[in-house]
Amino acid sequence: MASSRKLVIYAALVGNSLIALMKFVAAFITGSSAMFSEGIHSVVDTGNQILLLYGLKQSKKPADDQFPFGHGKEIYFWSFIVAIMIFAVGAGISIYEGIHRLGNPVAIENILINYIVLGLALVFEGGAWYFALKEFRREKGDSGYLEAVHRGKDPSIFVVLFEDSAAMLGLTVALIATALTQLTGNLYLDGVASIVIGLILAGTAVWLAVETKSLLIGESANNHVVRGIRKLALTIRNINHVNEVLTMHMGPDFILVNISVEFSDQATATDIEDAVALLDDKIKKAYENVQRVFIEAEARHSVLPSGVK
């Protein structure tokens, strides 16, 4: 699983590095604002992949006294930083450059270079996008795309997919703007394209921030996991009732489980110890991402009369 994540990120990193270099050379030669914005876009994406790789490395650090549940949430933190980077740097600079160019339109020179670079960028970016999409499809299973993003606990895959999708849209906008500028001679279209690219990046950043925020705060395991744990608990002898099942993702591959159950009144201390050990074993075998299980003995929750606290 971890190796697949890294392969997706490495593919995007190599592709974006080459694309950024080509775009900046083209922007310098042609004077295209849209191409410059696309170069900034690729630089930001390259930096983001480095941050994600760093986050993955940090998330694998073992637990210690200060972080008894490990460092799995590092990947959530750095994914959130990636969203901020896209918004603040990518979108901000692109929109600023577009507004500046609208006030000072400049004719695009050697426009053929733009077409060549944009075409090559679409090929490279398309390859990285397809690789990320293929991995995302493998992970999402039968779920829909939006559902898979919403319930996904590993942001490293969908962050790269979002970035690459935004990049493909940005390249398309830049290509259309270049063609229309050549056909109409309207120099303002280049600046407009830069602003549109900035808005695409801003929208992508906001979406990523929303999806990673809940993971960073502490999102529960998916519903089917919670339901499955509850059913497993009810199969254990001497457990009469499950009061609640609380879960939290401490990382993509680390689920923390806390269960409150009512034990039989006739159960001895040894019976309870055996039940706890058996339930712990069953849960961890059924759900490989569950690494820590805490079981609390508590009487069945009763419904208090209205107004009683």
Foldseek 3Di string as FASTA:
>chain_A
DLVLLLVLLVLLLVLLVVLLVLLVVQCVQFVFLLSPLLSQLSVLSNVLSVLLVVLSVQQPDAADPVRNQGQQCSNLVSLLVSLVSLQCRNLVVLLVSLVVCLVPFDGTPPLVSLVVSLVVSLVSLVVSLVSLVVVLCVVQDPDDPVVCLQQAQRVSSVSSNLSSVLSNVSSVLQVVLSVCCVVPVDRSSSSVSSNVSSVSSNVSSVVSNVRSVCLSVWDFHDPVLQVVLLVLLCVFPQFDHWQGWTWTDSHNLAIEIETETEGHPPDDPVSVVVSVVVSVVVSCVVRVSYDYYHYHHDPHDDDDPPPDD
